[in-house]
Amino acid sequence: MFGEKMKCMKCNSKVKESFDFCPYCGIDLQNPEEDMKNFGVIGKNEFSSGVPLAGGLGGLGISDKLINTLFNSIMKNLEKQMKNSGDSEVQSFPNGIKIRFEVPKNKSVSNKPIKKGITQEQLKRMSGLPRVEAKTNVRRFSDRVVYELNAPGVESPEDIFVSKLESGYEVKAIGKKKVYVNSLPVDLPLKGLRVTLEGLSVEFGLEN
């Protein structure tokens, strides 16, 4: 049933079961025992039960230590939810507060002309891998057309080769376990390519 409530095990406030964090004390409702360890030992008189932290903090007599502890705990739990995003950067703020900013893992972007030459090392890799055609999805925008190829294992734009044909373009991409070969029936100028978590995308410009 929607709207069902539960009692927060830290401040005893009633909150909706769908909440991830208590709006009154900031504890992680999905894993409260672990979060209690992160808080450490906090005196019961350091916050007023049932009174939201948001708004008028100074008037509640809440110590800076408690505010910093709550804030760092919330940021730590947000960090857990963002771990799948990729690399991270940490910035420090006054009072010792640290915030971790996650950077998405769109691995490589290249808007330069595609390298046409294949090295001996790449030829050796290609000769030992099976050739397959990657599943393709086409997306059209106001100024470009993007072909998205499901080609997992391709890690660098250096391993992607695009050749112009009479009927369009041929794309070869060297993955860890396969070589992907696709013919793209498009007669537009090539703008660049992007290596993604799912494979790669090839971008063509629309002529105005």
N, C-alpha and C. Protein backbone atom coordinates (compact mmCIF):
# COMPACT_ATOMS: atom_id res chain seq x y z
N MET A 1 0.85 -1.20 0.00
CA MET A 1 0.00 0.00 0.00
C MET A 1 0.88 1.24 0.00
N PHE A 2 0.53 2.20 -0.84
CA PHE A 2 1.32 3.43 -0.95
C PHE A 2 1.15 4.27 0.32
N GLY A 3 2.20 4.94 0.72
CA GLY A 3 2.11 5.86 1.84
C GLY A 3 2.30 5.22 3.19
N GLU A 4 2.59 3.90 3.26
CA GLU A 4 2.80 3.25 4.54
C GLU A 4 4.04 3.83 5.21
N LYS A 5 3.98 3.93 6.54
CA LYS A 5 5.06 4.57 7.27
C LYS A 5 5.74 3.58 8.20
N MET A 6 6.98 3.91 8.55
CA MET A 6 7.76 3.13 9.48
C MET A 6 8.40 4.09 10.47
N LYS A 7 8.95 3.55 11.54
CA LYS A 7 9.59 4.39 12.54
C LYS A 7 11.09 4.32 12.36
N CYS A 8 11.72 5.51 12.30
CA CYS A 8 13.17 5.58 12.18
C CYS A 8 13.80 5.02 13.45
N MET A 9 14.76 4.09 13.31
CA MET A 9 15.35 3.45 14.48
C MET A 9 16.31 4.38 15.23
N LYS A 10 16.64 5.54 14.62
CA LYS A 10 17.55 6.45 15.30
C LYS A 10 16.83 7.56 16.06
N CYS A 11 15.89 8.26 15.36
CA CYS A 11 15.23 9.40 16.00
C CYS A 11 13.76 9.13 16.33
N ASN A 12 13.27 7.92 15.96
CA ASN A 12 11.89 7.49 16.24
C ASN A 12 10.83 8.29 15.50
N SER A 13 11.23 9.05 14.49
CA SER A 13 10.25 9.78 13.69
C SER A 13 9.56 8.83 12.72
N LYS A 14 8.32 9.12 12.36
CA LYS A 14 7.59 8.32 11.39
C LYS A 14 7.90 8.83 9.99
N VAL A 15 8.36 7.94 9.13
CA VAL A 15 8.71 8.29 7.76
C VAL A 15 8.12 7.26 6.81
N LYS A 16 7.97 7.63 5.55
CA LYS A 16 7.44 6.71 4.55
C LYS A 16 8.43 5.59 4.28
N GLU A 17 7.90 4.38 4.08
CA GLU A 17 8.76 3.22 3.82
C GLU A 17 9.54 3.36 2.52
N SER A 18 9.05 4.19 1.61
CA SER A 18 9.72 4.35 0.32
C SER A 18 10.95 5.26 0.41
N PHE A 19 11.15 5.97 1.54
CA PHE A 19 12.28 6.87 1.69
C PHE A 19 13.58 6.09 1.81
N ASP A 20 14.66 6.59 1.19
CA ASP A 20 15.99 6.01 1.35
C ASP A 20 16.69 6.57 2.58
N PHE A 21 16.41 7.84 2.93
CA PHE A 21 17.03 8.48 4.08
C PHE A 21 15.95 9.12 4.96
N CYS A 22 16.19 9.16 6.26
CA CYS A 22 15.27 9.82 7.17
C CYS A 22 15.38 11.34 6.98
N PRO A 23 14.27 12.05 6.74
CA PRO A 23 14.34 13.50 6.54
C PRO A 23 14.59 14.27 7.83
N TYR A 24 14.56 13.56 8.97
CA TYR A 24 14.73 14.24 10.26
C TYR A 24 16.17 14.13 10.79
N CYS A 25 16.78 12.94 10.64
CA CYS A 25 18.14 12.78 11.16
C CYS A 25 19.14 12.39 10.10
N GLY A 26 18.68 12.04 8.89
CA GLY A 26 19.57 11.76 7.77
C GLY A 26 20.12 10.35 7.70
N ILE A 27 19.68 9.44 8.56
CA ILE A 27 20.21 8.08 8.56
C ILE A 27 19.74 7.32 7.33
N ASP A 28 20.55 6.38 6.87
CA ASP A 28 20.21 5.53 5.72
C ASP A 28 19.18 4.51 6.17
N LEU A 29 17.94 4.64 5.68
CA LEU A 29 16.86 3.75 6.10
C LEU A 29 16.98 2.37 5.48
N GLN A 30 17.73 2.25 4.37
CA GLN A 30 17.89 0.95 3.72
C GLN A 30 18.93 0.08 4.44
N ASN A 31 19.88 0.73 5.11
CA ASN A 31 20.91 -0.01 5.83
C ASN A 31 21.26 0.73 7.11
N PRO A 32 20.29 0.84 8.04
CA PRO A 32 20.49 1.69 9.22
C PRO A 32 21.59 1.21 10.15
N GLU A 33 21.76 -0.13 10.28
CA GLU A 33 22.78 -0.63 11.20
C GLU A 33 24.17 -0.18 10.77
N GLU A 34 24.46 -0.28 9.46
CA GLU A 34 25.76 0.14 8.94
C GLU A 34 25.95 1.63 9.10
N ASP A 35 24.87 2.39 8.87
CA ASP A 35 24.95 3.84 8.97
C ASP A 35 25.18 4.28 10.40
N MET A 36 24.60 3.55 11.36
CA MET A 36 24.80 3.89 12.77
C MET A 36 26.28 3.77 13.15
N LYS A 37 26.96 2.77 12.53
CA LYS A 37 28.39 2.63 12.80
C LYS A 37 29.15 3.84 12.29
N ASN A 38 28.73 4.35 11.11
CA ASN A 38 29.40 5.50 10.51
C ASN A 38 29.21 6.76 11.34
N PHE A 39 28.05 6.87 12.02
CA PHE A 39 27.79 8.05 12.83
C PHE A 39 28.68 8.08 14.06
N GLY A 40 29.06 6.89 14.58
CA GLY A 40 29.79 6.84 15.82
C GLY A 40 28.85 7.03 16.99
N VAL A 41 29.40 7.32 18.17
CA VAL A 41 28.58 7.52 19.36
C VAL A 41 28.21 8.99 19.46
N ILE A 42 26.91 9.30 19.33
CA ILE A 42 26.42 10.67 19.39
C ILE A 42 25.46 10.80 20.56
N GLY A 43 25.65 11.79 21.36
CA GLY A 43 24.78 11.99 22.50
C GLY A 43 23.34 12.26 22.11
N LYS A 44 22.38 11.77 22.91
CA LYS A 44 20.97 11.93 22.58
C LYS A 44 20.53 13.39 22.64
N ASN A 45 21.22 14.19 23.40
CA ASN A 45 20.81 15.58 23.54
C ASN A 45 21.32 16.47 22.42
N GLU A 46 22.00 15.89 21.44
CA GLU A 46 22.57 16.71 20.37
C GLU A 46 21.59 17.01 19.27
N PHE A 47 20.38 16.39 19.28
CA PHE A 47 19.35 16.78 18.33
C PHE A 47 17.99 16.58 18.96
N SER A 48 17.02 17.33 18.46
CA SER A 48 15.66 17.25 18.97
C SER A 48 14.89 16.25 18.15
N SER A 49 14.34 15.21 18.79
CA SER A 49 13.61 14.16 18.09
C SER A 49 12.38 14.72 17.42
N GLY A 50 12.19 14.36 16.12
CA GLY A 50 11.00 14.75 15.39
C GLY A 50 11.08 16.11 14.75
N VAL A 51 12.21 16.82 14.88
CA VAL A 51 12.34 18.15 14.29
C VAL A 51 13.26 18.06 13.10
N PRO A 52 12.81 18.41 11.89
CA PRO A 52 13.65 18.30 10.69
C PRO A 52 14.91 19.14 10.81
N LEU A 53 16.01 18.62 10.29
CA LEU A 53 17.25 19.38 10.29
C LEU A 53 17.21 20.54 9.33
N ALA A 54 16.45 20.39 8.24
CA ALA A 54 16.40 21.44 7.22
C ALA A 54 15.66 22.65 7.76
N GLY A 55 16.30 23.81 7.72
CA GLY A 55 15.65 25.05 8.13
C GLY A 55 15.88 25.36 9.60
N GLY A 56 16.56 26.46 9.89
CA GLY A 56 16.71 26.90 11.27
C GLY A 56 17.63 26.03 12.09
N LEU A 57 18.72 25.58 11.56
CA LEU A 57 19.61 24.71 12.31
C LEU A 57 20.19 25.41 13.53
N GLY A 58 20.55 26.67 13.34
CA GLY A 58 21.16 27.38 14.45
C GLY A 58 20.23 27.51 15.64
N GLY A 59 18.94 27.68 15.38
CA GLY A 59 17.98 27.86 16.46
C GLY A 59 17.71 26.60 17.24
N LEU A 60 18.11 25.44 16.76
CA LEU A 60 17.84 24.19 17.45
C LEU A 60 18.97 23.81 18.41
N GLY A 61 20.05 24.56 18.39
CA GLY A 61 21.15 24.25 19.27
C GLY A 61 21.94 23.03 18.85
N ILE A 62 21.90 22.70 17.57
CA ILE A 62 22.62 21.52 17.08
C ILE A 62 24.09 21.89 16.89
N SER A 63 24.96 21.03 17.36
CA SER A 63 26.39 21.33 17.30
C SER A 63 26.92 21.18 15.88
N ASP A 64 28.01 21.92 15.58
CA ASP A 64 28.66 21.81 14.28
C ASP A 64 29.16 20.39 14.05
N LYS A 65 29.59 19.73 15.12
CA LYS A 65 30.10 18.36 14.99
C LYS A 65 29.01 17.43 14.48
N LEU A 66 27.80 17.57 15.01
CA LEU A 66 26.70 16.71 14.58
C LEU A 66 26.32 17.00 13.14
N ILE A 67 26.26 18.30 12.79
CA ILE A 67 25.90 18.68 11.42
C ILE A 67 26.91 18.10 10.43
N ASN A 68 28.20 18.23 10.75
CA ASN A 68 29.23 17.69 9.87
C ASN A 68 29.15 16.17 9.76
N THR A 69 28.85 15.53 10.91
CA THR A 69 28.73 14.07 10.90
C THR A 69 27.57 13.61 10.04
N LEU A 70 26.43 14.29 10.18
CA LEU A 70 25.26 13.95 9.38
C LEU A 70 25.53 14.18 7.90
N PHE A 71 26.14 15.31 7.59
CA PHE A 71 26.40 15.66 6.19
C PHE A 71 27.34 14.65 5.54
N ASN A 72 28.42 14.31 6.27
CA ASN A 72 29.38 13.35 5.72
C ASN A 72 28.76 11.97 5.54
N SER A 73 27.85 11.59 6.47
CA SER A 73 27.18 10.30 6.34
C SER A 73 26.28 10.26 5.12
N ILE A 74 25.53 11.36 4.89
CA ILE A 74 24.66 11.43 3.72
C ILE A 74 25.48 11.37 2.44
N MET A 75 26.59 12.12 2.40
CA MET A 75 27.42 12.12 1.20
C MET A 75 28.06 10.76 0.96
N LYS A 76 28.37 10.04 2.05
CA LYS A 76 28.95 8.71 1.90
C LYS A 76 27.95 7.76 1.27
N ASN A 77 26.69 7.88 1.66
CA ASN A 77 25.66 7.01 1.09
C ASN A 77 25.35 7.40 -0.35
N LEU A 78 25.41 8.70 -0.66
CA LEU A 78 25.23 9.12 -2.05
C LEU A 78 26.37 8.59 -2.91
N GLU A 79 27.56 8.54 -2.32
CA GLU A 79 28.72 8.02 -3.05
C GLU A 79 28.52 6.56 -3.42
N LYS A 80 27.90 5.78 -2.50
CA LYS A 80 27.64 4.37 -2.79
C LYS A 80 26.73 4.22 -4.00
N GLN A 81 25.74 5.12 -4.11
CA GLN A 81 24.79 5.03 -5.21
C GLN A 81 25.41 5.45 -6.53
N MET A 82 26.52 6.21 -6.49
CA MET A 82 27.12 6.75 -7.71
C MET A 82 28.35 5.97 -8.15
N LYS A 83 28.68 4.88 -7.44
CA LYS A 83 29.92 4.17 -7.74
C LYS A 83 29.96 3.61 -9.15
N ASN A 84 28.79 3.26 -9.68
CA ASN A 84 28.75 2.69 -11.02
C ASN A 84 29.03 3.71 -12.11
N SER A 85 29.12 4.99 -11.73
CA SER A 85 29.29 6.03 -12.74
C SER A 85 30.70 6.07 -13.30
N GLY A 86 31.71 5.70 -12.49
CA GLY A 86 33.07 5.71 -13.03
C GLY A 86 34.07 6.33 -12.09
N ASP A 87 35.03 7.07 -12.64
CA ASP A 87 36.08 7.70 -11.85
C ASP A 87 35.49 8.81 -11.00
N SER A 88 36.29 9.32 -10.06
CA SER A 88 35.75 10.34 -9.16
C SER A 88 36.80 11.38 -8.83
N GLU A 89 36.32 12.52 -8.39
CA GLU A 89 37.18 13.60 -7.93
C GLU A 89 36.70 13.99 -6.53
N VAL A 90 37.65 14.29 -5.64
CA VAL A 90 37.31 14.66 -4.27
C VAL A 90 37.70 16.10 -4.04
N GLN A 91 36.75 16.89 -3.52
CA GLN A 91 37.04 18.28 -3.18
C GLN A 91 36.77 18.48 -1.70
N SER A 92 37.67 19.21 -1.03
CA SER A 92 37.53 19.48 0.40
C SER A 92 36.94 20.86 0.62
N PHE A 93 36.10 20.96 1.65
CA PHE A 93 35.45 22.22 2.00
C PHE A 93 35.75 22.53 3.47
N PRO A 94 35.40 23.74 3.93
CA PRO A 94 35.66 24.09 5.33
C PRO A 94 35.05 23.08 6.29
N ASN A 95 35.60 23.03 7.52
CA ASN A 95 35.16 22.12 8.57
C ASN A 95 35.46 20.66 8.26
N GLY A 96 36.36 20.42 7.31
CA GLY A 96 36.77 19.06 7.02
C GLY A 96 35.81 18.25 6.19
N ILE A 97 34.78 18.87 5.63
CA ILE A 97 33.80 18.16 4.82
C ILE A 97 34.40 17.85 3.46
N LYS A 98 34.23 16.62 3.01
CA LYS A 98 34.72 16.21 1.69
C LYS A 98 33.56 15.73 0.84
N ILE A 99 33.51 16.17 -0.41
CA ILE A 99 32.47 15.75 -1.34
C ILE A 99 33.14 15.08 -2.52
N ARG A 100 32.62 13.91 -2.89
CA ARG A 100 33.16 13.15 -4.02
C ARG A 100 32.25 13.34 -5.22
N PHE A 101 32.80 13.85 -6.30
CA PHE A 101 32.06 14.05 -7.53
C PHE A 101 32.41 12.93 -8.50
N GLU A 102 31.39 12.22 -8.97
CA GLU A 102 31.62 11.11 -9.89
C GLU A 102 31.68 11.62 -11.32
N VAL A 103 32.57 11.03 -12.11
CA VAL A 103 32.75 11.38 -13.51
C VAL A 103 32.26 10.22 -14.36
N PRO A 104 31.26 10.41 -15.24
CA PRO A 104 30.75 9.31 -16.06
C PRO A 104 31.84 8.68 -16.91
N LYS A 105 31.65 7.39 -17.19
CA LYS A 105 32.65 6.62 -17.94
C LYS A 105 32.33 6.54 -19.41
N ASN A 106 32.12 7.64 -20.04
CA ASN A 106 32.14 7.62 -21.51
C ASN A 106 33.62 7.69 -21.86
N LYS A 107 34.18 6.56 -22.21
CA LYS A 107 35.63 6.40 -22.18
C LYS A 107 36.39 7.40 -23.03
N SER A 108 36.13 7.42 -24.32
CA SER A 108 36.94 8.21 -25.23
C SER A 108 36.07 8.91 -26.25
N VAL A 109 36.47 10.12 -26.59
CA VAL A 109 35.75 10.87 -27.61
C VAL A 109 36.76 11.35 -28.64
N SER A 110 36.42 11.21 -29.90
CA SER A 110 37.31 11.68 -30.97
C SER A 110 36.49 12.37 -32.03
N ASN A 111 36.74 13.65 -32.24
CA ASN A 111 36.09 14.39 -33.30
C ASN A 111 37.07 14.70 -34.43
N LYS A 112 38.22 14.06 -34.41
CA LYS A 112 39.23 14.26 -35.43
C LYS A 112 39.05 13.22 -36.54
N PRO A 113 39.65 13.44 -37.69
CA PRO A 113 39.57 12.44 -38.76
C PRO A 113 40.02 11.07 -38.28
N ILE A 114 39.31 10.03 -38.70
CA ILE A 114 39.60 8.68 -38.24
C ILE A 114 40.89 8.16 -38.87
N LYS A 115 41.74 7.54 -38.05
CA LYS A 115 42.98 6.98 -38.56
C LYS A 115 42.68 5.83 -39.51
N LYS A 116 43.32 5.82 -40.67
CA LYS A 116 43.02 4.81 -41.69
C LYS A 116 44.01 3.65 -41.67
N GLY A 117 45.22 3.89 -41.21
CA GLY A 117 46.23 2.84 -41.24
C GLY A 117 46.05 1.83 -40.12
N ILE A 118 46.31 0.55 -40.41
CA ILE A 118 46.23 -0.50 -39.42
C ILE A 118 47.65 -0.98 -39.13
N THR A 119 48.02 -1.02 -37.86
CA THR A 119 49.36 -1.44 -37.48
C THR A 119 49.50 -2.96 -37.56
N GLN A 120 50.74 -3.43 -37.54
CA GLN A 120 50.99 -4.87 -37.55
C GLN A 120 50.40 -5.55 -36.31
N GLU A 121 50.50 -4.87 -35.19
CA GLU A 121 49.96 -5.43 -33.95
C GLU A 121 48.44 -5.59 -34.03
N GLN A 122 47.78 -4.59 -34.64
CA GLN A 122 46.33 -4.67 -34.79
C GLN A 122 45.93 -5.75 -35.79
N LEU A 123 46.70 -5.90 -36.87
CA LEU A 123 46.44 -6.97 -37.84
C LEU A 123 46.56 -8.34 -37.18
N LYS A 124 47.54 -8.49 -36.30
CA LYS A 124 47.73 -9.75 -35.60
C LYS A 124 46.55 -10.05 -34.68
N ARG A 125 46.08 -9.03 -33.99
CA ARG A 125 44.92 -9.21 -33.12
C ARG A 125 43.68 -9.58 -33.92
N MET A 126 43.48 -8.90 -35.04
CA MET A 126 42.30 -9.16 -35.87
C MET A 126 42.30 -10.57 -36.46
N SER A 127 43.48 -11.05 -36.80
CA SER A 127 43.56 -12.37 -37.44
C SER A 127 43.16 -13.50 -36.51
N GLY A 128 43.27 -13.27 -35.20
CA GLY A 128 42.94 -14.32 -34.25
C GLY A 128 41.55 -14.21 -33.65
N LEU A 129 40.74 -13.27 -34.13
CA LEU A 129 39.40 -13.06 -33.56
C LEU A 129 38.32 -13.30 -34.61
N PRO A 130 37.17 -13.82 -34.18
CA PRO A 130 36.05 -14.00 -35.12
C PRO A 130 35.45 -12.66 -35.52
N ARG A 131 34.90 -12.59 -36.74
CA ARG A 131 34.26 -11.37 -37.22
C ARG A 131 32.75 -11.49 -37.10
N VAL A 132 32.13 -10.47 -36.56
CA VAL A 132 30.68 -10.47 -36.39
C VAL A 132 30.15 -9.09 -36.77
N GLU A 133 28.85 -9.01 -37.00
CA GLU A 133 28.19 -7.73 -37.26
C GLU A 133 27.51 -7.26 -35.99
N ALA A 134 27.83 -6.06 -35.56
CA ALA A 134 27.25 -5.52 -34.33
C ALA A 134 25.82 -5.04 -34.56
N LYS A 135 24.98 -5.21 -33.54
CA LYS A 135 23.63 -4.67 -33.61
C LYS A 135 23.71 -3.14 -33.64
N THR A 136 22.88 -2.55 -34.49
CA THR A 136 22.98 -1.10 -34.73
C THR A 136 21.68 -0.39 -34.40
N ASN A 137 21.82 0.77 -33.77
CA ASN A 137 20.68 1.64 -33.50
C ASN A 137 20.98 3.01 -34.10
N VAL A 138 20.02 3.59 -34.82
CA VAL A 138 20.23 4.88 -35.49
C VAL A 138 19.43 5.96 -34.77
N ARG A 139 20.10 7.06 -34.44
CA ARG A 139 19.44 8.20 -33.80
C ARG A 139 19.65 9.44 -34.67
N ARG A 140 18.57 10.15 -34.93
CA ARG A 140 18.63 11.34 -35.78
C ARG A 140 18.36 12.58 -34.95
N PHE A 141 19.23 13.59 -35.08
CA PHE A 141 19.09 14.86 -34.40
C PHE A 141 18.95 15.96 -35.45
N SER A 142 18.77 17.17 -34.99
CA SER A 142 18.55 18.28 -35.92
C SER A 142 19.77 18.58 -36.78
N ASP A 143 20.97 18.27 -36.26
CA ASP A 143 22.20 18.61 -36.98
C ASP A 143 23.10 17.42 -37.28
N ARG A 144 22.68 16.20 -36.90
CA ARG A 144 23.54 15.05 -37.10
C ARG A 144 22.74 13.74 -37.03
N VAL A 145 23.37 12.70 -37.55
CA VAL A 145 22.84 11.34 -37.45
C VAL A 145 23.89 10.49 -36.75
N VAL A 146 23.46 9.72 -35.74
CA VAL A 146 24.40 8.93 -34.95
C VAL A 146 24.04 7.45 -35.07
N TYR A 147 25.01 6.65 -35.49
CA TYR A 147 24.87 5.20 -35.53
C TYR A 147 25.52 4.62 -34.26
N GLU A 148 24.72 3.96 -33.42
CA GLU A 148 25.23 3.35 -32.20
C GLU A 148 25.41 1.85 -32.43
N LEU A 149 26.63 1.36 -32.25
CA LEU A 149 26.94 -0.05 -32.47
C LEU A 149 27.17 -0.75 -31.13
N ASN A 150 26.43 -1.82 -30.92
CA ASN A 150 26.61 -2.60 -29.69
C ASN A 150 27.83 -3.50 -29.86
N ALA A 151 28.98 -2.98 -29.46
CA ALA A 151 30.25 -3.68 -29.67
C ALA A 151 31.07 -3.67 -28.39
N PRO A 152 30.69 -4.46 -27.40
CA PRO A 152 31.43 -4.49 -26.13
C PRO A 152 32.86 -4.99 -26.32
N GLY A 153 33.76 -4.42 -25.55
CA GLY A 153 35.16 -4.83 -25.64
C GLY A 153 36.03 -3.89 -26.44
N VAL A 154 35.41 -2.95 -27.17
CA VAL A 154 36.18 -1.94 -27.91
C VAL A 154 36.56 -0.84 -26.92
N GLU A 155 37.85 -0.58 -26.77
CA GLU A 155 38.30 0.30 -25.70
C GLU A 155 38.89 1.62 -26.17
N SER A 156 39.25 1.74 -27.43
CA SER A 156 39.94 2.96 -27.88
C SER A 156 39.54 3.32 -29.30
N PRO A 157 39.44 4.62 -29.60
CA PRO A 157 39.20 5.05 -30.98
C PRO A 157 40.29 4.58 -31.94
N GLU A 158 41.49 4.29 -31.40
CA GLU A 158 42.59 3.81 -32.24
C GLU A 158 42.29 2.44 -32.82
N ASP A 159 41.35 1.71 -32.22
CA ASP A 159 40.99 0.38 -32.70
C ASP A 159 39.75 0.39 -33.59
N ILE A 160 39.36 1.57 -34.06
CA ILE A 160 38.19 1.70 -34.93
C ILE A 160 38.63 2.28 -36.27
N PHE A 161 38.17 1.67 -37.33
CA PHE A 161 38.58 2.08 -38.68
C PHE A 161 37.33 2.27 -39.53
N VAL A 162 37.21 3.44 -40.14
CA VAL A 162 36.04 3.78 -40.96
C VAL A 162 36.51 4.03 -42.39
N SER A 163 35.93 3.30 -43.33
CA SER A 163 36.30 3.44 -44.75
C SER A 163 35.09 3.90 -45.55
N LYS A 164 35.31 4.81 -46.50
CA LYS A 164 34.23 5.30 -47.36
C LYS A 164 34.03 4.34 -48.52
N LEU A 165 32.77 3.93 -48.72
CA LEU A 165 32.40 3.06 -49.82
C LEU A 165 31.45 3.80 -50.75
N GLU A 166 31.17 3.22 -51.90
CA GLU A 166 30.22 3.84 -52.83
C GLU A 166 28.82 3.91 -52.22
N SER A 167 28.48 2.89 -51.45
CA SER A 167 27.13 2.82 -50.88
C SER A 167 27.05 3.33 -49.45
N GLY A 168 28.13 3.88 -48.92
CA GLY A 168 28.11 4.36 -47.54
C GLY A 168 29.47 4.26 -46.89
N TYR A 169 29.51 3.66 -45.70
CA TYR A 169 30.76 3.51 -44.96
C TYR A 169 30.87 2.09 -44.42
N GLU A 170 32.10 1.63 -44.25
CA GLU A 170 32.36 0.37 -43.55
C GLU A 170 33.10 0.69 -42.26
N VAL A 171 32.62 0.11 -41.17
CA VAL A 171 33.23 0.32 -39.86
C VAL A 171 33.80 -1.00 -39.36
N LYS A 172 35.08 -0.99 -38.99
CA LYS A 172 35.71 -2.14 -38.36
C LYS A 172 36.19 -1.71 -36.98
N ALA A 173 35.86 -2.51 -35.97
CA ALA A 173 36.26 -2.19 -34.59
C ALA A 173 36.82 -3.45 -33.94
N ILE A 174 37.99 -3.32 -33.34
CA ILE A 174 38.66 -4.45 -32.70
C ILE A 174 38.28 -4.48 -31.22
N GLY A 175 37.58 -5.53 -30.81
CA GLY A 175 37.24 -5.72 -29.41
C GLY A 175 38.17 -6.74 -28.76
N LYS A 176 37.90 -7.05 -27.50
CA LYS A 176 38.74 -8.01 -26.79
C LYS A 176 38.54 -9.43 -27.32
N LYS A 177 37.29 -9.75 -27.71
CA LYS A 177 36.99 -11.12 -28.13
C LYS A 177 36.49 -11.23 -29.56
N LYS A 178 36.15 -10.09 -30.18
CA LYS A 178 35.59 -10.12 -31.52
C LYS A 178 36.05 -8.91 -32.32
N VAL A 179 35.97 -9.07 -33.66
CA VAL A 179 36.15 -7.93 -34.56
C VAL A 179 34.78 -7.62 -35.15
N TYR A 180 34.32 -6.39 -34.96
CA TYR A 180 33.00 -5.99 -35.43
C TYR A 180 33.13 -5.31 -36.79
N VAL A 181 32.37 -5.79 -37.76
CA VAL A 181 32.39 -5.23 -39.11
C VAL A 181 30.96 -4.87 -39.51
N ASN A 182 30.72 -3.60 -39.78
CA ASN A 182 29.38 -3.12 -40.14
C ASN A 182 29.43 -2.21 -41.36
N SER A 183 28.43 -2.34 -42.21
CA SER A 183 28.25 -1.42 -43.34
C SER A 183 27.14 -0.45 -42.99
N LEU A 184 27.43 0.83 -43.08
CA LEU A 184 26.45 1.87 -42.75
C LEU A 184 26.00 2.55 -44.03
N PRO A 185 24.74 2.36 -44.43
CA PRO A 185 24.24 2.93 -45.69
C PRO A 185 23.87 4.40 -45.55
N VAL A 186 24.88 5.24 -45.42
CA VAL A 186 24.63 6.67 -45.22
C VAL A 186 25.62 7.46 -46.09
N ASP A 187 25.12 8.50 -46.75
CA ASP A 187 25.96 9.33 -47.61
C ASP A 187 26.03 10.74 -47.03
N LEU A 188 26.66 10.84 -45.86
CA LEU A 188 26.82 12.12 -45.16
C LEU A 188 28.27 12.26 -44.72
N PRO A 189 28.73 13.48 -44.47
CA PRO A 189 30.12 13.67 -44.03
C PRO A 189 30.34 13.11 -42.63
N LEU A 190 31.43 12.39 -42.47
CA LEU A 190 31.79 11.82 -41.18
C LEU A 190 32.33 12.91 -40.25
N LYS A 191 31.78 12.99 -39.03
CA LYS A 191 32.21 14.01 -38.08
C LYS A 191 33.13 13.46 -36.99
N GLY A 192 32.89 12.24 -36.54
CA GLY A 192 33.72 11.69 -35.48
C GLY A 192 33.09 10.45 -34.90
N LEU A 193 33.70 9.96 -33.82
CA LEU A 193 33.19 8.75 -33.17
C LEU A 193 33.39 8.85 -31.67
N ARG A 194 32.68 7.97 -30.96
CA ARG A 194 32.73 7.96 -29.50
C ARG A 194 32.75 6.50 -29.03
N VAL A 195 33.66 6.19 -28.12
CA VAL A 195 33.69 4.88 -27.49
C VAL A 195 32.87 4.95 -26.21
N THR A 196 31.90 4.06 -26.07
CA THR A 196 31.01 4.07 -24.91
C THR A 196 31.13 2.76 -24.15
N LEU A 197 30.38 2.64 -23.05
CA LEU A 197 30.39 1.41 -22.28
C LEU A 197 29.80 0.25 -23.07
N GLU A 198 28.83 0.55 -23.93
CA GLU A 198 28.16 -0.49 -24.71
C GLU A 198 28.89 -0.82 -26.00
N GLY A 199 29.76 0.04 -26.45
CA GLY A 199 30.45 -0.19 -27.71
C GLY A 199 30.98 1.10 -28.30
N LEU A 200 30.33 1.57 -29.37
CA LEU A 200 30.80 2.80 -30.00
C LEU A 200 29.67 3.45 -30.77
N SER A 201 29.85 4.72 -31.09
CA SER A 201 28.89 5.44 -31.92
C SER A 201 29.66 6.23 -32.97
N VAL A 202 29.12 6.26 -34.17
CA VAL A 202 29.73 6.99 -35.29
C VAL A 202 28.79 8.12 -35.68
N GLU A 203 29.33 9.32 -35.76
CA GLU A 203 28.50 10.51 -35.96
C GLU A 203 28.72 11.11 -37.35
N PHE A 204 27.60 11.41 -38.01
CA PHE A 204 27.63 12.03 -39.34
C PHE A 204 26.88 13.36 -39.28
N GLY A 205 27.40 14.36 -39.98
CA GLY A 205 26.77 15.67 -39.99
C GLY A 205 25.70 15.77 -41.06
N LEU A 206 24.63 16.51 -40.76
CA LEU A 206 23.58 16.77 -41.74
C LEU A 206 23.93 18.02 -42.52
N GLU A 207 23.84 17.96 -43.81
CA GLU A 207 24.13 19.11 -44.65
C GLU A 207 22.93 20.04 -44.68
N ASN A 208 23.16 21.30 -44.35
CA ASN A 208 22.06 22.29 -44.34
C ASN A 208 21.88 22.92 -45.72
